[in-house]
């Protein structure tokens, strides 16, 4: 018996990687922390059209944050350590760790990251490849 796939149309050839990416995304844990926004930034005279991921990481310093990119997977980790010298009467803001993962399409590039006012912003760009039309020669076999 053959395996039924999500992208099982005979016209979608070579999309195995896309299907595996969809499976990875659906299995990813989504605890909702930290909250994030994804926005499209319009092209300007100085910069191409970009995508910006903004994560609310109030209380984290840049030393406690780590951003890695491996095989089109952008991972942001935050690690805080409890300050044992402080004695809280009430603790509503916990020292917390998190991992947030985004799967990027082929060709996406990370331009950079900034931490300002408790928001970690990561800018991405997809360079526009030039459109190539190629004529395929038909060979005759007799």
C-alpha atoms as a PDB file:
ATOM      1  CA  UNK A   1       0.000   0.000   0.000  1.00  0.00           C
ATOM      2  CA  UNK A   2       1.396   3.404  -0.903  1.00  0.00           C
ATOM      3  CA  UNK A   3       1.560   6.254   1.587  1.00  0.00           C
ATOM      4  CA  UNK A   4      -0.994   9.031   1.087  1.00  0.00           C
ATOM      5  CA  UNK A   5       0.654  12.407   1.199  1.00  0.00           C
ATOM      6  CA  UNK A   6      -0.677  15.890   1.698  1.00  0.00           C
ATOM      7  CA  UNK A   7       0.712  17.009  -1.633  1.00  0.00           C
ATOM      8  CA  UNK A   8      -0.407  13.972  -3.610  1.00  0.00           C
ATOM      9  CA  UNK A   9      -1.295  15.665  -6.897  1.00  0.00           C
ATOM     10  CA  UNK A  10       0.549  14.188  -9.893  1.00  0.00           C
ATOM     11  CA  UNK A  11       1.322  17.785 -10.952  1.00  0.00           C
ATOM     12  CA  UNK A  12       3.307  18.553  -7.779  1.00  0.00           C
ATOM     13  CA  UNK A  13       6.636  16.855  -8.400  1.00  0.00           C
ATOM     14  CA  UNK A  14       9.596  17.184  -6.062  1.00  0.00           C
ATOM     15  CA  UNK A  15       7.668  18.755  -3.173  1.00  0.00           C
ATOM     16  CA  UNK A  16       8.764  16.134  -0.625  1.00  0.00           C
ATOM     17  CA  UNK A  17      10.772  18.753   1.283  1.00  0.00           C
ATOM     18  CA  UNK A  18       7.726  21.016   1.525  1.00  0.00           C
ATOM     19  CA  UNK A  19       5.669  18.180   2.954  1.00  0.00           C
ATOM     20  CA  UNK A  20       8.371  17.380   5.523  1.00  0.00           C
ATOM     21  CA  UNK A  21       8.522  21.077   6.456  1.00  0.00           C
ATOM     22  CA  UNK A  22       4.745  21.132   7.006  1.00  0.00           C
ATOM     23  CA  UNK A  23       5.006  18.079   9.236  1.00  0.00           C
ATOM     24  CA  UNK A  24       7.776  19.746  11.287  1.00  0.00           C
ATOM     25  CA  UNK A  25       5.739  22.914  11.724  1.00  0.00           C
ATOM     26  CA  UNK A  26       2.620  21.084  12.874  1.00  0.00           C
ATOM     27  CA  UNK A  27       4.617  19.057  15.415  1.00  0.00           C
ATOM     28  CA  UNK A  28       6.370  22.133  16.835  1.00  0.00           C
ATOM     29  CA  UNK A  29       5.363  23.055  20.359  1.00  0.00           C
ATOM     30  CA  UNK A  30       3.342  26.228  20.543  1.00  0.00           C
ATOM     31  CA  UNK A  31       3.065  27.321  24.151  1.00  0.00           C
ATOM     32  CA  UNK A  32       2.513  30.932  23.099  1.00  0.00           C
ATOM     33  CA  UNK A  33       5.543  32.327  24.907  1.00  0.00           C
ATOM     34  CA  UNK A  34       6.987  34.672  24.010  1.00  0.00           C
ATOM     35  CA  UNK A  35       4.303  36.378  21.960  1.00  0.00           C
ATOM     36  CA  UNK A  36       5.437  37.569  18.545  1.00  0.00           C
ATOM     37  CA  UNK A  37       4.407  39.562  15.490  1.00  0.00           C
ATOM     38  CA  UNK A  38       5.358  39.012  11.868  1.00  0.00           C
ATOM     39  CA  UNK A  39       5.064  42.008   9.575  1.00  0.00           C
ATOM     40  CA  UNK A  40       5.952  42.914   6.018  1.00  0.00           C
ATOM     41  CA  UNK A  41       8.044  46.074   5.666  1.00  0.00           C
ATOM     42  CA  UNK A  42       7.685  47.878   2.362  1.00  0.00           C
ATOM     43  CA  UNK A  43      10.632  48.468   0.068  1.00  0.00           C
ATOM     44  CA  UNK A  44      12.371  51.805   0.600  1.00  0.00           C
ATOM     45  CA  UNK A  45      15.118  53.633  -1.241  1.00  0.00           C
ATOM     46  CA  UNK A  46      17.653  52.177   1.214  1.00  0.00           C
ATOM     47  CA  UNK A  47      16.290  48.674   1.785  1.00  0.00           C
ATOM     48  CA  UNK A  48      14.437  45.918  -0.082  1.00  0.00           C
ATOM     49  CA  UNK A  49      11.056  44.576   1.026  1.00  0.00           C
ATOM     50  CA  UNK A  50      11.599  42.739   4.301  1.00  0.00           C
ATOM     51  CA  UNK A  51       9.823  40.525   6.775  1.00  0.00           C
ATOM     52  CA  UNK A  52      10.264  41.415  10.445  1.00  0.00           C
ATOM     53  CA  UNK A  53       9.696  38.998  13.300  1.00  0.00           C
ATOM     54  CA  UNK A  54       9.260  40.839  16.620  1.00  0.00           C
ATOM     55  CA  UNK A  55       9.276  38.899  19.883  1.00  0.00           C
ATOM     56  CA  UNK A  56       8.241  40.371  23.242  1.00  0.00           C
ATOM     57  CA  UNK A  57      11.244  39.506  25.425  1.00  0.00           C
ATOM     58  CA  UNK A  58      10.937  42.060  28.235  1.00  0.00           C
ATOM     59  CA  UNK A  59      13.394  41.289  31.025  1.00  0.00           C
ATOM     60  CA  UNK A  60      15.917  39.563  28.755  1.00  0.00           C
ATOM     61  CA  UNK A  61      19.271  41.107  27.918  1.00  0.00           C
ATOM     62  CA  UNK A  62      21.067  40.468  24.648  1.00  0.00           C
ATOM     63  CA  UNK A  63      23.454  38.140  26.558  1.00  0.00           C
ATOM     64  CA  UNK A  64      20.497  35.945  27.532  1.00  0.00           C
ATOM     65  CA  UNK A  65      19.210  35.613  23.964  1.00  0.00           C
ATOM     66  CA  UNK A  66      20.595  33.420  21.202  1.00  0.00           C
ATOM     67  CA  UNK A  67      19.565  33.317  17.548  1.00  0.00           C
ATOM     68  CA  UNK A  68      20.699  30.474  15.301  1.00  0.00           C
ATOM     69  CA  UNK A  69      19.964  29.530  11.704  1.00  0.00           C
ATOM     70  CA  UNK A  70      20.451  25.926  10.690  1.00  0.00           C
ATOM     71  CA  UNK A  71      19.038  24.294   7.566  1.00  0.00           C
ATOM     72  CA  UNK A  72      16.382  27.001   7.033  1.00  0.00           C
ATOM     73  CA  UNK A  73      15.275  26.775  10.654  1.00  0.00           C
ATOM     74  CA  UNK A  74      15.532  30.015  12.619  1.00  0.00           C
ATOM     75  CA  UNK A  75      15.667  29.338  16.353  1.00  0.00           C
ATOM     76  CA  UNK A  76      15.495  31.958  19.085  1.00  0.00           C
ATOM     77  CA  UNK A  77      16.360  30.891  22.625  1.00  0.00           C
ATOM     78  CA  UNK A  78      16.109  32.876  25.815  1.00  0.00           C
ATOM     79  CA  UNK A  79      17.718  31.788  29.076  1.00  0.00           C
ATOM     80  CA  UNK A  80      17.367  33.683  32.340  1.00  0.00           C
ATOM     81  CA  UNK A  81      18.950  32.657  35.609  1.00  0.00           C
ATOM     82  CA  UNK A  82      17.255  33.215  38.950  1.00  0.00           C
ATOM     83  CA  UNK A  83      18.968  35.842  41.078  1.00  0.00           C
ATOM     84  CA  UNK A  84      19.330  34.010  44.409  1.00  0.00           C
ATOM     85  CA  UNK A  85      20.245  37.208  46.262  1.00  0.00           C
ATOM     86  CA  UNK A  86      16.823  38.778  45.716  1.00  0.00           C
ATOM     87  CA  UNK A  87      13.975  37.921  48.105  1.00  0.00           C
ATOM     88  CA  UNK A  88      10.545  38.437  46.586  1.00  0.00           C
ATOM     89  CA  UNK A  89       7.375  39.107  48.565  1.00  0.00           C
ATOM     90  CA  UNK A  90       5.394  38.391  45.403  1.00  0.00           C
ATOM     91  CA  UNK A  91       6.788  37.007  42.179  1.00  0.00           C
ATOM     92  CA  UNK A  92       4.630  37.544  39.117  1.00  0.00           C
ATOM     93  CA  UNK A  93       7.495  37.826  36.625  1.00  0.00           C
ATOM     94  CA  UNK A  94       9.240  34.496  36.489  1.00  0.00           C
ATOM     95  CA  UNK A  95      12.769  33.893  35.248  1.00  0.00           C
ATOM     96  CA  UNK A  96      11.827  31.827  32.252  1.00  0.00           C
ATOM     97  CA  UNK A  97      13.450  29.996  29.385  1.00  0.00           C
ATOM     98  CA  UNK A  98      11.989  29.694  25.913  1.00  0.00           C
ATOM     99  CA  UNK A  99      12.672  28.379  22.450  1.00  0.00           C
ATOM    100  CA  UNK A 100      10.768  29.731  19.454  1.00  0.00           C
ATOM    101  CA  UNK A 101      11.365  28.218  16.011  1.00  0.00           C
ATOM    102  CA  UNK A 102      10.465  29.500  12.553  1.00  0.00           C
ATOM    103  CA  UNK A 103      10.911  27.492   9.363  1.00  0.00           C
ATOM    104  CA  UNK A 104      12.188  29.708   6.527  1.00  0.00           C
ATOM    105  CA  UNK A 105      11.692  29.153   2.821  1.00  0.00           C
ATOM    106  CA  UNK A 106      14.711  28.422   0.642  1.00  0.00           C
ATOM    107  CA  UNK A 107      16.585  31.585  -0.228  1.00  0.00           C
ATOM    108  CA  UNK A 108      15.448  33.569   2.829  1.00  0.00           C
ATOM    109  CA  UNK A 109      18.293  35.486   4.448  1.00  0.00           C
ATOM    110  CA  UNK A 110      18.563  36.942   7.931  1.00  0.00           C
ATOM    111  CA  UNK A 111      19.636  40.578   7.654  1.00  0.00           C
ATOM    112  CA  UNK A 112      20.117  41.155  11.365  1.00  0.00           C
ATOM    113  CA  UNK A 113      18.551  41.424  14.800  1.00  0.00           C
ATOM    114  CA  UNK A 114      17.990  44.272  17.269  1.00  0.00           C
ATOM    115  CA  UNK A 115      16.844  44.392  20.886  1.00  0.00           C
ATOM    116  CA  UNK A 116      15.082  47.608  21.864  1.00  0.00           C
ATOM    117  CA  UNK A 117      12.500  48.377  24.570  1.00  0.00           C
ATOM    118  CA  UNK A 118      11.894  44.692  25.315  1.00  0.00           C
ATOM    119  CA  UNK A 119      11.300  43.751  21.670  1.00  0.00           C
ATOM    120  CA  UNK A 120      13.667  41.512  19.748  1.00  0.00           C
ATOM    121  CA  UNK A 121      13.320  42.281  16.034  1.00  0.00           C
ATOM    122  CA  UNK A 122      14.755  39.997  13.364  1.00  0.00           C
ATOM    123  CA  UNK A 123      14.707  41.190   9.753  1.00  0.00           C
ATOM    124  CA  UNK A 124      14.547  38.722   6.874  1.00  0.00           C
ATOM    125  CA  UNK A 125      14.726  39.209   3.143  1.00  0.00           C
ATOM    126  CA  UNK A 126      14.171  36.997   0.140  1.00  0.00           C
ATOM    127  CA  UNK A 127      16.351  38.145  -2.740  1.00  0.00           C
ATOM    128  CA  UNK A 128      14.331  38.193  -5.935  1.00  0.00           C
ATOM    129  CA  UNK A 129      15.772  35.711  -8.379  1.00  0.00           C
ATOM    130  CA  UNK A 130      15.650  36.731 -11.987  1.00  0.00           C
ATOM    131  CA  UNK A 131      13.009  34.940 -13.982  1.00  0.00           C
ATOM    132  CA  UNK A 132      14.545  32.448 -16.390  1.00  0.00           C
ATOM    133  CA  UNK A 133      12.635  30.946 -19.304  1.00  0.00           C
ATOM    134  CA  UNK A 134      14.438  28.112 -21.005  1.00  0.00           C
ATOM    135  CA  UNK A 135      13.505  26.316 -24.198  1.00  0.00           C
ATOM    136  CA  UNK A 136      13.760  22.504 -23.930  1.00  0.00           C
ATOM    137  CA  UNK A 137      14.914  20.819 -27.116  1.00  0.00           C
ATOM    138  CA  UNK A 138      12.935  17.738 -28.127  1.00  0.00           C
ATOM    139  CA  UNK A 139      15.021  14.856 -29.321  1.00  0.00           C
ATOM    140  CA  UNK A 140      13.651  12.444 -31.939  1.00  0.00           C
ATOM    141  CA  UNK A 141      14.133   8.692 -31.535  1.00  0.00           C
ATOM    142  CA  UNK A 142      13.317   6.426 -34.441  1.00  0.00           C
END
